[in-house]
Amino acid sequence: MRVQRTVPAPTREEELKKEVNLELLKPIIEKYKNKKGNLIPLLQGTQELYGYVPEDAFYIISEATGLELSTIYGVATFYAQFRLKPVGKNIIKVCHGTACHVQDAKKLSIELREILKIEDGETTKDGLFTLESVACLGCCSLAPVMMVGDETYGKLTGKSAGKIVKQIRREEKNKK
């Protein structure tokens, strides 16, 4: 009997990495290349373009600006605004600030982790959702609150948060 070896399917991250066209980075680099304090705008522009800062972009930015890779990586990992991995189409931010904490935001996070089958900071296998706990969304009167993309949902329970995510998933399936 012959044993057939299978090659594991590429992860979403590997597939996205293949799709990254680094040529698109050139106009951003040209815009900021010789300007003082250019690193953060370069990283922001890169993330705006790809949804995260791809690993290969660090090398291109380093070469174009003369900045050390360690400096660029240090800035990108210091600031919470920068992502080093691809994120889902819909980023769910669950507020865990004081008002939301008191109103039991933990139940929202638990329910969402169960429904999505991911932990905080992870992305679903289908690439549809990324789940994030955040310190504050500035919507204390709506506590507990979550945002999905730019849409804010307040006065939630674990079940109502789950219903919202399930509805978004249904709508996405209907688009296909």
Protein backbone atom coordinates (compact mmCIF):
# COMPACT_ATOMS: atom_id res chain seq x y z
CA MET A 1 0.00 0.00 0.00
CA ARG A 2 1.30 3.40 -0.95
CA VAL A 3 1.04 6.30 1.48
CA GLN A 4 0.03 9.49 -0.19
CA ARG A 5 1.37 12.66 1.35
CA THR A 6 -0.75 15.72 1.21
CA VAL A 7 0.45 19.28 1.19
CA PRO A 8 -1.44 21.45 3.68
CA ALA A 9 -3.63 24.10 2.12
CA PRO A 10 -2.09 27.56 2.28
CA THR A 11 -3.30 29.71 5.15
CA ARG A 12 -5.17 32.95 4.44
CA GLU A 13 -2.01 34.81 5.49
CA GLU A 14 0.10 32.94 2.92
CA GLU A 15 -2.47 33.56 0.19
CA LEU A 16 -2.66 37.28 0.98
CA LYS A 17 1.13 37.55 1.04
CA LYS A 18 1.24 36.19 -2.52
CA GLU A 19 -1.30 38.80 -3.61
CA VAL A 20 0.66 41.79 -2.28
CA ASN A 21 1.79 43.94 -5.18
CA LEU A 22 4.67 45.94 -3.76
CA GLU A 23 4.82 48.12 -6.87
CA LEU A 24 1.81 49.96 -5.42
CA LEU A 25 4.06 51.17 -2.62
CA LYS A 26 6.22 53.32 -4.94
CA PRO A 27 4.00 56.45 -4.99
CA ILE A 28 3.80 56.45 -1.18
CA ILE A 29 7.57 56.13 -0.89
CA GLU A 30 8.13 58.90 -3.44
CA LYS A 31 5.74 61.18 -1.54
CA TYR A 32 7.59 60.82 1.80
CA LYS A 33 11.07 59.61 0.83
CA ASN A 34 13.10 62.72 1.59
CA LYS A 35 10.89 64.29 4.25
CA LYS A 36 11.87 64.54 7.88
CA GLY A 37 9.73 62.38 10.19
CA ASN A 38 8.57 60.25 7.27
CA LEU A 39 8.45 56.83 8.93
CA ILE A 40 4.99 56.97 10.51
CA PRO A 41 3.33 58.43 7.37
CA LEU A 42 5.08 55.72 5.30
CA LEU A 43 3.79 52.99 7.59
CA GLN A 44 0.31 54.52 7.67
CA GLY A 45 0.21 54.78 3.87
CA THR A 46 1.40 51.20 3.53
CA GLN A 47 -1.25 49.95 5.93
CA GLU A 48 -3.95 51.98 4.22
CA LEU A 49 -2.95 50.38 0.93
CA TYR A 50 -2.76 46.73 2.07
CA GLY A 51 -4.81 46.69 5.28
CA TYR A 52 -1.63 45.82 7.21
CA VAL A 53 2.13 46.33 6.83
CA PRO A 54 3.47 43.35 4.84
CA GLU A 55 6.86 41.98 5.84
CA ASP A 56 8.41 42.76 2.45
CA ALA A 57 7.34 46.40 2.78
CA PHE A 58 9.81 46.83 5.67
CA TYR A 59 12.71 46.02 3.33
CA ILE A 60 11.47 48.39 0.63
CA ILE A 61 10.94 51.23 3.12
CA SER A 62 14.37 50.59 4.65
CA GLU A 63 16.07 50.66 1.26
CA ALA A 64 14.23 53.80 0.14
CA THR A 65 14.78 55.79 3.35
CA GLY A 66 18.07 54.42 4.64
CA LEU A 67 16.43 53.64 7.99
CA GLU A 68 17.46 50.45 9.76
CA LEU A 69 15.00 47.56 9.64
CA SER A 70 15.08 47.41 13.44
CA THR A 71 14.03 51.07 13.66
CA ILE A 72 11.11 50.57 11.27
CA TYR A 73 9.99 47.38 12.98
CA GLY A 74 10.36 49.03 16.40
CA VAL A 75 8.02 51.85 15.41
CA ALA A 76 5.53 49.49 13.77
CA THR A 77 5.35 47.29 16.86
CA PHE A 78 5.33 50.15 19.37
CA TYR A 79 2.19 51.83 18.02
CA ALA A 80 -1.05 49.84 18.32
CA GLN A 81 -2.37 51.37 15.09
CA PHE A 82 -0.08 49.23 12.94
CA ARG A 83 -0.94 45.67 11.97
CA LEU A 84 1.67 43.16 10.88
CA LYS A 85 -0.82 40.50 9.81
CA PRO A 86 -3.78 40.59 7.44
CA VAL A 87 -7.11 41.34 9.08
CA GLY A 88 -10.65 40.33 8.27
CA LYS A 89 -13.02 42.25 6.08
CA ASN A 90 -14.93 43.28 9.22
CA ILE A 91 -12.99 44.30 12.31
CA ILE A 92 -15.02 43.84 15.47
CA LYS A 93 -13.85 46.05 18.32
CA VAL A 94 -15.31 45.23 21.72
CA CYS A 95 -14.92 48.02 24.25
CA HIS A 96 -13.58 47.03 27.66
CA GLY A 97 -13.32 50.54 29.11
CA THR A 98 -14.67 51.26 32.58
CA ALA A 99 -18.32 51.87 31.62
CA CYS A 100 -18.41 48.83 29.35
CA HIS A 101 -16.59 46.68 31.89
CA VAL A 102 -19.15 47.59 34.57
CA GLN A 103 -21.95 46.74 32.11
CA ASP A 104 -20.36 43.28 31.54
CA ALA A 105 -18.61 43.66 28.18
CA LYS A 106 -16.88 40.38 29.01
CA LYS A 107 -20.09 38.56 27.99
CA LEU A 108 -19.86 40.13 24.52
CA SER A 109 -16.30 38.94 24.06
CA ILE A 110 -17.12 35.42 25.28
CA GLU A 111 -20.11 35.11 22.95
CA LEU A 112 -18.21 36.46 19.95
CA ARG A 113 -15.23 34.16 20.55
CA GLU A 114 -17.60 31.19 20.67
CA ILE A 115 -19.52 32.16 17.53
CA LEU A 116 -16.45 33.10 15.50
CA LYS A 117 -14.26 30.30 16.89
CA ILE A 118 -11.32 32.67 17.32
CA GLU A 119 -9.53 34.38 20.17
CA ASP A 120 -8.94 38.08 20.68
CA GLY A 121 -6.66 39.46 17.96
CA GLU A 122 -7.35 36.59 15.54
CA THR A 123 -9.09 36.46 12.17
CA THR A 124 -11.67 33.89 11.11
CA LYS A 125 -10.57 31.28 8.58
CA ASP A 126 -12.90 32.74 5.96
CA GLY A 127 -11.26 36.16 6.41
CA LEU A 128 -14.56 37.79 7.24
CA PHE A 129 -13.94 38.89 10.85
CA THR A 130 -11.11 40.00 13.11
CA LEU A 131 -11.91 40.28 16.82
CA GLU A 132 -10.23 42.92 18.99
CA SER A 133 -10.65 44.03 22.58
CA VAL A 134 -10.03 47.76 22.92
CA ALA A 135 -9.55 50.03 25.92
CA CYS A 136 -12.26 52.54 24.99
CA LEU A 137 -14.46 53.46 22.05
CA GLY A 138 -15.68 56.71 23.61
CA CYS A 139 -19.34 55.65 23.66
CA CYS A 140 -19.79 55.27 27.41
CA SER A 141 -23.49 56.15 27.37
CA LEU A 142 -24.07 53.14 25.08
CA ALA A 143 -22.20 50.64 27.27
CA PRO A 144 -21.51 47.87 26.61
CA VAL A 145 -20.57 48.69 23.04
CA MET A 146 -18.84 47.20 20.02
CA MET A 147 -17.96 48.48 16.58
CA VAL A 148 -18.00 46.49 13.38
CA GLY A 149 -16.09 48.53 10.84
CA ASP A 150 -17.45 52.07 11.23
CA GLU A 151 -20.82 50.98 12.66
CA THR A 152 -21.34 51.32 16.43
CA TYR A 153 -23.70 49.02 18.36
CA GLY A 154 -24.63 49.81 21.95
CA LYS A 155 -26.58 48.55 24.94
CA LEU A 156 -25.58 45.03 23.94
CA THR A 157 -25.85 41.64 25.55
CA GLY A 158 -23.80 38.61 24.54
CA LYS A 159 -26.77 37.32 22.53
CA SER A 160 -27.46 40.60 20.75
CA ALA A 161 -23.79 40.95 19.81
CA GLY A 162 -23.87 37.41 18.44
CA LYS A 163 -27.02 38.15 16.41
CA ILE A 164 -25.34 41.15 14.80
CA VAL A 165 -22.33 39.11 13.73
CA LYS A 166 -24.54 36.28 12.43
CA GLN A 167 -26.57 38.82 10.43
CA ILE A 168 -23.42 40.31 8.88
CA ARG A 169 -22.24 36.80 7.96
CA ARG A 170 -25.63 36.04 6.30
CA GLU A 171 -25.49 39.30 4.35
CA GLU A 172 -21.97 38.49 3.15
CA LYS A 173 -23.04 35.03 1.98
CA ASN A 174 -25.99 36.55 0.09
CA LYS A 175 -23.62 38.88 -1.78
CA LYS A 176 -21.82 35.91 -3.33
